[in-house]
Amino acid sequence: MKRLTPRKVAAVALAATMAVGSLTACGSGDDSADGPVKLRFLSLAWQEASVAANQKLVNDWNAAHSDIQIEYVQGSWDSVHDQLLTSFEGGDAPDIIHYEAALSGQFAQMGYLADLKDIVPADLKGEIGQNVWDTVTTPDGAVFGVPFLLESQVVIANKKLLDEASIPVPTADAPWTWDEFAVNAKKLTKGDTFGTAWPLKQPVNRVLNLGLNYDGKYFQNTDGKNSVVFGPAEQEVPRRIHDMVYTDKSAAPDALGMGGTDPLPGFFGGKYAMLPGSIYLRQQMVEQAPEGFEWVTLPPLKGLSQNQSANPQTLSISEASEHKDEAMQFMANFLSPANQAELAKGDWLIPTGKTAGEQLVASTEGKDGWDVAVASANSLVLAPFQTVPEFSEWKSKIATPAFQEYFADTITLDELGKRLVDGGADIIK
C-alpha cells in the first residue's frame, strides 16, 4: 500500500523523526485508577488532508469522551515495520495500530495482535464485504485488523485523444476487456503518441495482481506445501503486456523501466494516450495536470473477471493492550461511514464500507473518477501470493529480475516461467 510521490519526501522525514520517540514511549495501562483510559493511536496518514482528517477525528473523540482519551502518534510507512517489531518485543507497542493487511498478518502470526472477531460491532462488520474480511483473517479464523482503505488498478486516459479516435469511454458496468484495451491502444498509436505506457520498474505486484483477471494464481498449496506455478492462466497478463510493446508496438518501450508516476510528464505531453496505474494517480491528475488537460478514469480491465488482489490498510489492536474494548469503541467511531468516506477522500483511495462508498460518490457526484474507484472495490479479493510467507524473498530475489528481463525482451516466456518456478522451489522449503 505504501507509495512515494514528490510530496511525500518531506512528510516521511518529519514522520520518521516523530515516530522514533513516540513508539518507544510508555505503553498502555499508564492511566491512573481514577483517571481516564489512555490509548495511543499510531497513524500512518501522511498527506496533508489525510493527516488533518485523522487528527480532527481524534480531537473530536477526545472532546466527547472524557473517559477514553486518545494520543495521536504520527508514524511513517518507510520505517514503521522495524519500529513496530522493536516496540512489540519491548512490550510497549501502541494500543491501536494503522498498517496494511499483508504485513499486519505477519505480526498476527507472531502473536502481537489481538483477535478482534468477538469485539467488532455488528454494524461495522456488516458494512465490509467478506472478500475484504478474508484479507485480515488467519487460517484459524482470528481477525487481526479492521480493513478500511483499499487500492485498485485502473487506467487513466487522455479524453481528447479518445475523442479524436472516436473511442467511447467505458463505464463501470461495461468495462473494456484486455482485448478491447489492446485494440484501442493500437488505434491511439500514431505519430509520436503511443497508445499506452506500462511503468514496470517494480513489476511483480502489478503483474500478479492483474493476473487474477485470468485466475492466474502463481502459487498453489498442495498438502500444506506452497509452490510456484506458471501455467496458461499465469502467462496471460505478462504475455499480453509484452505483445503490446514488441508485437503491436502500441505500448512505449521506454516506460517499462519507469516507476508508477514517472510517465506523467509524457502523459500530460501527449506521448502516451493511456496510463495503467493505481487509483491514487487521480490525485496527480487533479494537482499536476496542465490547465485544460481533460482526463478520465477507465474501470479495471476484464479478463475472465476484473478480480485484483486486496491489501487494505487496517486498524489493529495490540495483544498487550489492557483496554481492547475501549480501543474498539474508538475504532468503530473512527471508521463510521461518514468518517471512512472522509479518510478515503483525503488519500484518494477506496473505503471498504458500502455506505461510505455510496456517500463518497454522492458527495463528489462521481467526479474525478470516484464512481469508478468505488465500483472497483467489488472485484478486490485475497490473492494466493498474499498467504505465502516466502513471497517477499521470492519477489526480490527471483521474480523481480526475471520479469524485468522478460519485459526487456532478453528472455522468453518459457524462460520466465522456468526462472519463477525453479526459484520458488529453491526458496520455499
Protein backbone atom coordinates (compact mmCIF):
# COMPACT_ATOMS: atom_id res chain seq x y z
CA MET A 1 0.00 0.00 0.00
CA LYS A 2 2.97 2.30 0.51
CA ARG A 3 3.62 4.80 -2.26
CA LEU A 4 6.16 7.56 -2.80
CA THR A 5 5.43 10.81 -4.59
CA PRO A 6 7.40 14.08 -4.62
CA ARG A 7 5.13 15.48 -1.91
CA LYS A 8 5.92 12.62 0.41
CA VAL A 9 9.64 13.25 0.85
CA ALA A 10 9.31 15.95 3.48
CA ALA A 11 6.40 14.22 5.19
CA VAL A 12 8.33 10.97 5.52
CA ALA A 13 11.32 12.66 7.12
CA LEU A 14 9.16 14.51 9.62
CA ALA A 15 7.01 11.49 10.45
CA ALA A 16 10.01 9.23 10.92
CA THR A 17 11.55 11.65 13.39
CA MET A 18 8.33 11.92 15.38
CA ALA A 19 7.68 8.18 15.34
CA VAL A 20 11.06 7.14 16.75
CA GLY A 21 10.33 8.69 20.10
CA SER A 22 6.58 8.08 20.15
CA LEU A 23 6.65 4.34 19.53
CA THR A 24 9.00 3.77 22.45
CA ALA A 25 7.11 5.93 24.91
CA CYS A 26 5.34 4.42 27.91
CA GLY A 27 2.87 1.71 26.93
CA SER A 28 -0.87 1.27 27.53
CA GLY A 29 -2.10 0.90 31.05
CA ASP A 30 -0.32 4.03 32.33
CA ASP A 31 -3.62 5.71 33.26
CA SER A 32 -4.39 6.07 36.93
CA ALA A 33 -7.15 4.10 38.61
CA ASP A 34 -9.40 7.15 38.86
CA GLY A 35 -8.44 8.84 35.60
CA PRO A 36 -9.46 8.25 32.00
CA VAL A 37 -8.32 5.30 29.94
CA LYS A 38 -5.41 6.50 27.81
CA LEU A 39 -4.71 4.85 24.47
CA ARG A 40 -2.01 5.53 21.90
CA PHE A 41 -3.05 5.50 18.24
CA LEU A 42 -0.26 5.08 15.67
CA SER A 43 -1.39 6.65 12.39
CA LEU A 44 0.41 6.32 9.06
CA ALA A 45 -1.55 9.07 7.36
CA TRP A 46 0.93 11.28 5.54
CA GLN A 47 -0.89 13.50 3.05
CA GLU A 48 -1.90 16.90 4.39
CA ALA A 49 -5.64 16.30 4.02
CA SER A 50 -5.41 12.81 5.46
CA VAL A 51 -3.34 13.85 8.49
CA ALA A 52 -5.76 16.69 9.17
CA ALA A 53 -8.74 14.32 8.94
CA ASN A 54 -7.09 11.81 11.31
CA GLN A 55 -6.19 14.46 13.86
CA LYS A 56 -9.66 16.02 13.73
CA LEU A 57 -11.33 12.67 14.38
CA VAL A 58 -9.05 12.10 17.38
CA ASN A 59 -9.68 15.60 18.73
CA ASP A 60 -13.44 15.26 18.28
CA TRP A 61 -13.39 11.91 20.08
CA ASN A 62 -11.37 13.28 22.99
CA ALA A 63 -13.72 16.24 23.36
CA ALA A 64 -16.74 13.93 23.54
CA HIS A 65 -15.24 11.08 25.63
CA SER A 66 -13.55 12.26 28.79
CA ASP A 67 -13.30 8.65 30.00
CA ILE A 68 -11.31 7.39 26.99
CA GLN A 69 -8.54 9.66 25.72
CA ILE A 70 -6.57 9.00 22.54
CA GLU A 71 -2.98 10.11 22.00
CA TYR A 72 -2.28 10.62 18.30
CA VAL A 73 1.15 9.29 17.25
CA GLN A 74 2.42 10.14 13.77
CA GLY A 75 4.26 7.28 12.07
CA SER A 76 5.98 6.76 8.72
CA TRP A 77 5.33 3.99 6.18
CA ASP A 78 9.05 3.84 5.42
CA SER A 79 10.21 2.94 8.92
CA VAL A 80 7.19 1.65 10.81
CA HIS A 81 7.76 -2.11 10.37
CA ASP A 82 11.08 -2.21 12.20
CA GLN A 83 9.83 0.25 14.80
CA LEU A 84 6.74 -1.84 15.48
CA LEU A 85 8.78 -5.02 15.77
CA THR A 86 11.04 -3.33 18.31
CA SER A 87 8.08 -1.99 20.30
CA PHE A 88 6.30 -5.36 20.27
CA GLU A 89 9.40 -7.14 21.51
CA GLY A 90 9.94 -4.45 24.13
CA GLY A 91 6.35 -4.65 25.39
CA ASP A 92 5.47 -1.01 24.70
CA ALA A 93 3.58 -1.11 21.40
CA PRO A 94 0.83 1.42 20.66
CA ASP A 95 -2.67 0.25 21.55
CA ILE A 96 -4.17 0.99 18.12
CA ILE A 97 -2.06 0.41 15.03
CA HIS A 98 -2.60 1.64 11.47
CA TYR A 99 -0.85 -0.60 8.93
CA GLU A 100 -1.66 -2.86 5.96
CA ALA A 101 -3.20 -6.32 5.92
CA ALA A 102 -0.33 -8.31 4.42
CA LEU A 103 2.30 -7.07 6.88
CA SER A 104 -0.06 -6.93 9.86
CA GLY A 105 -0.70 -10.61 9.21
CA GLN A 106 2.96 -11.32 9.93
CA PHE A 107 2.65 -9.67 13.34
CA ALA A 108 -0.58 -11.58 13.98
CA GLN A 109 1.22 -14.87 13.32
CA MET A 110 3.83 -13.83 15.88
CA GLY A 111 1.09 -13.27 18.48
CA TYR A 112 1.45 -9.49 18.70
CA LEU A 113 -2.06 -8.51 17.52
CA ALA A 114 -5.36 -9.17 19.28
CA ASP A 115 -8.13 -11.30 17.78
CA LEU A 116 -10.96 -8.85 17.10
CA LYS A 117 -13.65 -11.21 15.81
CA ASP A 118 -15.71 -11.09 19.00
CA ILE A 119 -15.46 -7.34 19.61
CA VAL A 120 -16.05 -5.83 16.15
CA PRO A 121 -19.53 -4.22 16.28
CA ALA A 122 -22.08 -5.94 14.04
CA ASP A 123 -22.88 -2.77 12.08
CA LEU A 124 -19.22 -2.17 11.25
CA LYS A 125 -18.69 -5.80 10.31
CA GLY A 126 -21.76 -5.76 8.05
CA GLU A 127 -20.54 -2.72 6.10
CA ILE A 128 -17.46 -4.58 4.83
CA GLY A 129 -17.67 -7.46 2.36
CA GLN A 130 -16.42 -10.91 3.28
CA ASN A 131 -13.89 -10.78 0.41
CA VAL A 132 -12.16 -7.93 2.28
CA TRP A 133 -12.51 -9.50 5.72
CA ASP A 134 -10.71 -12.53 4.28
CA THR A 135 -7.56 -10.42 3.95
CA VAL A 136 -7.41 -9.86 7.73
CA THR A 137 -8.40 -13.37 8.82
CA THR A 138 -5.84 -16.00 9.79
CA PRO A 139 -6.20 -19.66 8.72
CA ASP A 140 -7.59 -20.49 12.16
CA GLY A 141 -10.25 -17.77 11.94
CA ALA A 142 -8.72 -14.97 14.03
CA VAL A 143 -9.36 -11.42 12.79
CA PHE A 144 -6.27 -9.27 13.33
CA GLY A 145 -7.48 -5.95 11.95
CA VAL A 146 -10.35 -3.88 10.63
CA PRO A 147 -9.79 -3.05 6.93
CA PHE A 148 -10.75 0.49 5.93
CA LEU A 149 -8.92 1.72 2.80
CA LEU A 150 -8.39 -0.15 -0.48
CA GLU A 151 -6.35 0.36 -3.64
CA SER A 152 -7.20 -0.89 -7.14
CA GLN A 153 -5.57 -0.78 -10.57
CA VAL A 154 -7.36 1.29 -13.24
CA VAL A 155 -6.45 3.10 -16.46
CA ILE A 156 -6.16 6.90 -16.74
CA ALA A 157 -6.77 8.17 -20.27
CA ASN A 158 -6.37 11.40 -22.24
CA LYS A 159 -10.00 12.25 -23.08
CA LYS A 160 -9.10 14.44 -26.06
CA LEU A 161 -7.18 11.61 -27.72
CA LEU A 162 -10.03 9.16 -27.08
CA ASP A 163 -12.48 11.57 -28.69
CA GLU A 164 -10.25 12.17 -31.70
CA ALA A 165 -10.05 8.40 -32.27
CA SER A 166 -13.85 8.05 -31.77
CA ILE A 167 -13.30 5.72 -28.82
CA PRO A 168 -16.13 5.91 -26.25
CA VAL A 169 -15.25 5.89 -22.58
CA PRO A 170 -16.12 2.55 -20.93
CA THR A 171 -18.25 2.57 -17.79
CA ALA A 172 -18.02 0.61 -14.56
CA ASP A 173 -20.94 -1.52 -15.76
CA ALA A 174 -19.33 -2.19 -19.15
CA PRO A 175 -15.52 -2.23 -18.73
CA TRP A 176 -13.09 -2.96 -21.51
CA THR A 177 -11.73 -6.43 -21.88
CA TRP A 178 -7.99 -6.84 -22.26
CA ASP A 179 -8.60 -7.46 -25.96
CA GLU A 180 -10.53 -4.20 -26.30
CA PHE A 181 -7.81 -2.35 -24.43
CA ALA A 182 -5.18 -3.71 -26.84
CA VAL A 183 -7.26 -2.80 -29.91
CA ASN A 184 -7.88 0.73 -28.65
CA ALA A 185 -4.23 1.20 -27.68
CA LYS A 186 -3.34 0.38 -31.27
CA LYS A 187 -5.90 2.90 -32.58
CA LEU A 188 -4.37 5.57 -30.37
CA THR A 189 -0.82 4.86 -31.54
CA LYS A 190 0.08 7.39 -34.22
CA GLY A 191 2.93 9.78 -34.86
CA ASP A 192 4.79 10.46 -31.62
CA THR A 193 1.99 9.06 -29.46
CA PHE A 194 1.91 5.54 -28.01
CA GLY A 195 -1.45 4.09 -27.09
CA THR A 196 -0.29 3.27 -23.59
CA ALA A 197 2.64 3.12 -21.18
CA TRP A 198 3.26 0.31 -18.71
CA PRO A 199 5.54 1.56 -15.87
CA LEU A 200 7.05 -1.75 -14.69
CA LYS A 201 10.22 -0.84 -12.84
CA GLN A 202 8.80 -2.94 -9.99
CA PRO A 203 6.69 -5.40 -11.97
CA VAL A 204 5.82 -8.24 -9.60
CA ASN A 205 2.91 -6.91 -7.56
CA ARG A 206 1.22 -5.38 -10.59
CA VAL A 207 1.56 -8.46 -12.79
CA LEU A 208 0.46 -10.90 -10.09
CA ASN A 209 -2.33 -8.56 -9.09
CA LEU A 210 -3.70 -8.27 -12.64
CA GLY A 211 -3.05 -11.97 -13.22
CA LEU A 212 -6.16 -12.64 -11.15
CA ASN A 213 -8.12 -11.32 -14.16
CA TYR A 214 -7.43 -14.73 -15.74
CA ASP A 215 -7.44 -16.72 -12.49
CA GLY A 216 -3.65 -16.68 -12.50
CA LYS A 217 -2.63 -17.83 -9.04
CA TYR A 218 1.20 -18.07 -9.33
CA PHE A 219 1.19 -20.05 -6.07
CA GLN A 220 -0.57 -23.25 -5.15
CA ASN A 221 -0.76 -25.15 -1.89
CA THR A 222 -0.70 -28.93 -2.02
CA ASP A 223 -0.81 -30.91 1.22
CA GLY A 224 0.33 -27.86 3.16
CA LYS A 225 3.27 -27.13 0.83
CA ASN A 226 3.40 -23.94 -1.25
CA SER A 227 4.91 -23.92 -4.73
CA VAL A 228 5.10 -21.57 -7.71
CA VAL A 229 3.05 -22.35 -10.82
CA PHE A 230 3.25 -20.75 -14.27
CA GLY A 231 0.60 -22.27 -16.48
CA PRO A 232 -1.61 -20.72 -19.20
CA ALA A 233 -3.55 -18.62 -16.66
CA GLU A 234 -0.38 -17.12 -15.18
CA GLN A 235 1.06 -16.42 -18.63
CA GLU A 236 -1.86 -14.32 -19.88
CA VAL A 237 -1.06 -10.89 -18.42
CA PRO A 238 2.73 -10.82 -18.92
CA ARG A 239 2.30 -12.12 -22.47
CA ARG A 240 -0.34 -9.50 -23.30
CA ILE A 241 1.80 -6.64 -21.98
CA HIS A 242 4.86 -7.98 -23.82
CA ASP A 243 2.88 -8.25 -27.07
CA MET A 244 1.67 -4.65 -26.78
CA VAL A 245 5.29 -3.48 -26.57
CA TYR A 246 7.05 -5.73 -29.08
CA THR A 247 4.35 -7.03 -31.47
CA ASP A 248 1.64 -4.34 -31.62
CA LYS A 249 4.15 -1.61 -30.76
CA SER A 250 1.30 0.25 -29.08
CA ALA A 251 2.98 0.42 -25.65
CA ALA A 252 6.05 2.61 -25.12
CA PRO A 253 9.23 0.58 -24.50
CA ASP A 254 10.85 3.42 -22.55
CA ALA A 255 8.11 3.28 -19.92
CA LEU A 256 8.95 -0.28 -18.87
CA GLY A 257 11.78 0.93 -16.65
CA MET A 258 9.71 3.66 -15.02
CA GLY A 259 8.01 3.85 -11.63
CA GLY A 260 4.30 4.43 -11.27
CA THR A 261 4.28 8.23 -11.57
CA ASP A 262 7.34 8.62 -13.83
CA PRO A 263 5.32 8.62 -17.10
CA LEU A 264 3.17 11.57 -16.03
CA PRO A 265 5.15 14.26 -17.91
CA GLY A 266 4.90 12.18 -21.07
CA PHE A 267 1.22 11.52 -20.45
CA PHE A 268 0.50 15.23 -19.98
CA GLY A 269 2.56 15.98 -23.10
CA GLY A 270 0.60 13.57 -25.29
CA LYS A 271 3.36 10.94 -25.62
CA TYR A 272 1.14 8.30 -24.01
CA ALA A 273 -2.64 8.21 -24.51
CA MET A 274 -3.44 5.85 -21.64
CA LEU A 275 -1.68 5.09 -18.38
CA PRO A 276 -2.48 1.96 -16.33
CA GLY A 277 -1.83 2.53 -12.66
CA SER A 278 -3.16 2.75 -9.15
CA ILE A 279 -6.40 4.51 -8.34
CA TYR A 280 -4.46 7.16 -6.39
CA LEU A 281 -2.99 8.50 -9.67
CA ARG A 282 -6.19 10.57 -9.89
CA GLN A 283 -4.69 12.85 -7.27
CA GLN A 284 -1.75 13.63 -9.53
CA MET A 285 -4.20 14.35 -12.34
CA VAL A 286 -6.01 16.94 -10.24
CA GLU A 287 -2.87 18.52 -8.79
CA GLN A 288 -0.40 18.33 -11.69
CA ALA A 289 -2.27 18.21 -15.00
CA PRO A 290 -1.80 21.31 -17.18
CA GLU A 291 -4.69 23.73 -17.39
CA GLY A 292 -7.25 22.47 -19.88
CA PHE A 293 -5.97 18.89 -19.87
CA GLU A 294 -9.00 16.58 -19.85
CA TRP A 295 -8.61 13.11 -18.39
CA VAL A 296 -10.90 10.24 -17.48
CA THR A 297 -10.67 7.18 -15.24
CA LEU A 298 -11.37 3.89 -17.01
CA PRO A 299 -12.57 0.88 -14.97
CA PRO A 300 -10.28 -2.07 -14.21
CA LEU A 301 -9.68 -4.24 -17.27
CA LYS A 302 -11.57 -7.52 -17.57
CA GLY A 303 -10.24 -10.95 -18.49
CA LEU A 304 -12.34 -13.79 -17.18
CA SER A 305 -13.11 -11.34 -14.37
CA GLN A 306 -11.95 -7.98 -13.05
CA ASN A 307 -10.50 -9.57 -9.91
CA GLN A 308 -7.47 -7.96 -8.33
CA SER A 309 -5.71 -8.54 -5.04
CA ALA A 310 -6.92 -6.67 -1.98
CA ASN A 311 -4.34 -5.46 0.52
CA PRO A 312 -6.28 -2.93 2.59
CA GLN A 313 -4.97 -0.51 5.15
CA THR A 314 -6.06 -1.69 8.58
CA LEU A 315 -6.52 -0.75 12.19
CA SER A 316 -5.37 -3.39 14.68
CA ILE A 317 -5.15 -3.62 18.46
CA SER A 318 -2.00 -4.73 20.23
CA GLU A 319 -2.38 -8.02 22.10
CA ALA A 320 -0.61 -6.35 25.02
CA SER A 321 -3.17 -3.54 25.29
CA GLU A 322 -5.08 -3.60 28.58
CA HIS A 323 -8.06 -1.78 27.05
CA LYS A 324 -9.10 -3.67 23.93
CA ASP A 325 -12.83 -2.93 24.28
CA GLU A 326 -12.18 0.79 24.65
CA ALA A 327 -9.82 0.70 21.68
CA MET A 328 -12.55 -0.90 19.57
CA GLN A 329 -15.03 1.77 20.67
CA PHE A 330 -12.71 4.41 19.26
CA MET A 331 -12.05 2.41 16.09
CA ALA A 332 -15.77 1.92 15.42
CA ASN A 333 -16.30 5.66 15.71
CA PHE A 334 -13.21 6.43 13.64
CA LEU A 335 -14.48 4.11 10.88
CA SER A 336 -18.11 5.21 10.80
CA PRO A 337 -19.42 5.60 7.21
CA ALA A 338 -19.03 9.38 7.17
CA ASN A 339 -15.54 9.22 8.65
CA GLN A 340 -14.42 6.44 6.32
CA ALA A 341 -15.60 8.47 3.34
CA GLU A 342 -13.59 11.48 4.52
CA LEU A 343 -10.46 9.38 5.15
CA ALA A 344 -10.70 7.77 1.70
CA LYS A 345 -11.17 11.14 0.03
CA GLY A 346 -8.07 12.50 1.76
CA ASP A 347 -5.95 9.58 0.50
CA TRP A 348 -7.62 9.18 -2.92
CA LEU A 349 -8.29 5.55 -2.04
CA ILE A 350 -11.43 3.42 -1.67
CA PRO A 351 -13.39 2.99 1.57
CA THR A 352 -14.14 -0.62 2.46
CA GLY A 353 -17.60 0.19 3.81
CA LYS A 354 -20.54 0.07 1.42
CA THR A 355 -22.31 3.09 2.91
CA ALA A 356 -19.05 5.07 2.99
CA GLY A 357 -18.57 4.40 -0.72
CA GLU A 358 -22.10 5.50 -1.51
CA GLN A 359 -21.65 8.68 0.49
CA LEU A 360 -18.35 9.43 -1.22
CA VAL A 361 -19.80 9.05 -4.71
CA ALA A 362 -22.78 11.21 -3.73
CA SER A 363 -20.68 13.97 -2.17
CA THR A 364 -18.30 14.13 -5.16
CA GLU A 365 -21.03 13.48 -7.74
CA GLY A 366 -18.70 10.78 -9.06
CA LYS A 367 -16.28 13.37 -10.44
CA ASP A 368 -12.52 12.78 -10.68
CA GLY A 369 -13.19 9.07 -11.12
CA TRP A 370 -14.78 8.48 -7.70
CA ASP A 371 -17.63 6.49 -9.26
CA VAL A 372 -15.15 4.15 -10.96
CA ALA A 373 -12.96 3.96 -7.85
CA VAL A 374 -15.76 2.91 -5.52
CA ALA A 375 -17.20 0.41 -8.01
CA SER A 376 -13.79 -1.24 -8.40
CA ALA A 377 -13.87 -2.40 -4.76
CA ASN A 378 -16.31 -5.14 -5.73
CA SER A 379 -13.56 -7.08 -7.52
CA LEU A 380 -10.88 -6.95 -4.83
CA VAL A 381 -10.13 -10.35 -3.30
CA LEU A 382 -7.47 -12.20 -1.31
CA ALA A 383 -4.76 -13.44 -3.70
CA PRO A 384 -2.87 -16.71 -3.17
CA PHE A 385 0.52 -14.97 -3.03
CA GLN A 386 -0.64 -12.91 -0.04
CA THR A 387 -0.67 -16.03 2.14
CA VAL A 388 2.83 -17.27 1.24
CA PRO A 389 5.40 -16.40 3.95
CA GLU A 390 8.30 -16.60 1.49
CA PHE A 391 6.66 -14.30 -1.07
CA SER A 392 8.78 -11.24 -0.24
CA GLU A 393 12.03 -13.16 -0.63
CA TRP A 394 10.86 -14.81 -3.88
CA LYS A 395 9.71 -11.44 -5.18
CA SER A 396 13.00 -9.65 -4.54
CA LYS A 397 15.47 -12.42 -5.41
CA ILE A 398 13.70 -14.27 -8.23
CA ALA A 399 10.58 -12.66 -9.66
CA THR A 400 11.65 -9.01 -9.97
CA PRO A 401 14.79 -9.62 -12.07
CA ALA A 402 13.06 -12.37 -14.09
CA PHE A 403 10.08 -10.18 -15.02
CA GLN A 404 12.37 -7.23 -15.77
CA GLU A 405 14.36 -9.38 -18.20
CA TYR A 406 11.21 -10.70 -19.84
CA PHE A 407 9.79 -7.23 -20.35
CA ALA A 408 13.19 -6.12 -21.69
CA ASP A 409 12.80 -8.95 -24.23
CA THR A 410 16.01 -10.68 -23.17
CA ILE A 411 14.34 -13.95 -22.10
CA THR A 412 11.33 -15.83 -23.46
CA LEU A 413 8.04 -16.51 -21.73
CA ASP A 414 9.10 -20.13 -21.19
CA GLU A 415 12.39 -18.99 -19.67
CA LEU A 416 10.49 -16.60 -17.43
CA GLY A 417 8.30 -19.43 -16.19
CA LYS A 418 11.28 -21.70 -15.51
CA ARG A 419 13.03 -18.97 -13.52
CA LEU A 420 9.92 -18.29 -11.43
CA VAL A 421 9.15 -21.95 -10.72
CA ASP A 422 12.73 -23.12 -10.08
CA GLY A 423 13.47 -20.08 -7.95
CA GLY A 424 10.35 -20.74 -5.91
CA ALA A 425 11.45 -24.33 -5.31
CA ASP A 426 14.81 -23.11 -4.01
CA ILE A 427 13.29 -20.57 -1.62
CA ILE A 428 10.14 -22.33 -0.38
CA LYS A 429 11.28 -25.26 1.72
